[in-house]
Amino acid sequence: MNKYRDLYLKDINKDLIGKTITVSGWVNRSRDHGNLLFIDLRDSTSLLQCV
């Protein structure tokens, strides 16, 4: 695709477990639960929650 992303968020699935991918988008929401930080990353196609 380009140097900022390998896939759109809608294309991420279980087949990619264990692989390294590059995604890009904007932070839609972040939540800090002490030792755990949740980031909702959004692009034009979907939403991805990062922990």
C-alpha atoms as a PDB file:
ATOM      1  CA  MET A   1       0.000   0.000   0.000  1.00  0.00           C
ATOM      2  CA  ASN A   2       2.313   2.721   1.273  1.00  0.00           C
ATOM      3  CA  LYS A   3       4.988   3.292   3.892  1.00  0.00           C
ATOM      4  CA  TYR A   4       2.421   4.089   6.605  1.00  0.00           C
ATOM      5  CA  ARG A   5       0.186   1.011   6.332  1.00  0.00           C
ATOM      6  CA  ASP A   6       0.213  -2.572   5.149  1.00  0.00           C
ATOM      7  CA  LEU A   7      -3.539  -3.075   5.499  1.00  0.00           C
ATOM      8  CA  TYR A   8      -6.724  -1.184   6.104  1.00  0.00           C
ATOM      9  CA  LEU A   9      -8.237  -1.930   9.507  1.00  0.00           C
ATOM     10  CA  LYS A  10     -11.168  -3.766   7.909  1.00  0.00           C
ATOM     11  CA  ASP A  11      -8.718  -6.298   6.440  1.00  0.00           C
ATOM     12  CA  ILE A  12      -7.261  -7.430   9.795  1.00  0.00           C
ATOM     13  CA  ASN A  13      -8.341 -10.946  10.769  1.00  0.00           C
ATOM     14  CA  LYS A  14      -7.232 -14.071  12.668  1.00  0.00           C
ATOM     15  CA  ASP A  15      -4.945 -15.154   9.818  1.00  0.00           C
ATOM     16  CA  LEU A  16      -2.534 -12.360  10.818  1.00  0.00           C
ATOM     17  CA  ILE A  17      -1.944 -13.624  14.388  1.00  0.00           C
ATOM     18  CA  GLY A  18       1.797 -13.707  15.047  1.00  0.00           C
ATOM     19  CA  LYS A  19       2.655 -11.447  12.097  1.00  0.00           C
ATOM     20  CA  THR A  20       3.883  -7.863  12.277  1.00  0.00           C
ATOM     21  CA  ILE A  21       1.760  -5.358  10.372  1.00  0.00           C
ATOM     22  CA  THR A  22       1.756  -1.580  10.058  1.00  0.00           C
ATOM     23  CA  VAL A  23      -1.502   0.334  10.417  1.00  0.00           C
ATOM     24  CA  SER A  24      -2.290   4.021  10.406  1.00  0.00           C
ATOM     25  CA  GLY A  25      -5.207   6.170  11.410  1.00  0.00           C
ATOM     26  CA  TRP A  26      -6.174   8.508  14.192  1.00  0.00           C
ATOM     27  CA  VAL A  27      -6.865   7.949  17.885  1.00  0.00           C
ATOM     28  CA  ASN A  28     -10.615   7.862  18.235  1.00  0.00           C
ATOM     29  CA  ARG A  29     -10.562   7.279  22.000  1.00  0.00           C
ATOM     30  CA  SER A  30      -8.060   6.325  24.690  1.00  0.00           C
ATOM     31  CA  ARG A  31      -8.717   4.920  28.146  1.00  0.00           C
ATOM     32  CA  ASP A  32      -6.146   4.532  30.923  1.00  0.00           C
ATOM     33  CA  HIS A  33      -6.942   1.818  33.478  1.00  0.00           C
ATOM     34  CA  GLY A  34      -3.821   2.104  35.610  1.00  0.00           C
ATOM     35  CA  ASN A  35      -1.481  -0.565  34.253  1.00  0.00           C
ATOM     36  CA  LEU A  36      -3.536  -1.011  31.073  1.00  0.00           C
ATOM     37  CA  LEU A  37      -3.988   1.502  28.238  1.00  0.00           C
ATOM     38  CA  PHE A  38      -6.670   1.004  25.582  1.00  0.00           C
ATOM     39  CA  ILE A  39      -6.423   2.960  22.325  1.00  0.00           C
ATOM     40  CA  ASP A  40      -9.174   2.889  19.693  1.00  0.00           C
ATOM     41  CA  LEU A  41      -7.466   3.493  16.350  1.00  0.00           C
ATOM     42  CA  ARG A  42      -9.748   4.474  13.461  1.00  0.00           C
ATOM     43  CA  ASP A  43      -9.211   4.798   9.747  1.00  0.00           C
ATOM     44  CA  SER A  44     -11.713   5.446   6.945  1.00  0.00           C
ATOM     45  CA  THR A  45     -12.839   1.801   6.969  1.00  0.00           C
ATOM     46  CA  SER A  46     -13.024   0.519  10.539  1.00  0.00           C
ATOM     47  CA  LEU A  47     -11.908   0.635  14.189  1.00  0.00           C
ATOM     48  CA  LEU A  48      -9.111  -1.279  15.956  1.00  0.00           C
ATOM     49  CA  GLN A  49      -8.658  -1.544  19.713  1.00  0.00           C
ATOM     50  CA  CYS A  50      -5.013  -1.665  20.814  1.00  0.00           C
ATOM     51  CA  VAL A  51      -4.076  -2.755  24.330  1.00  0.00           C
END
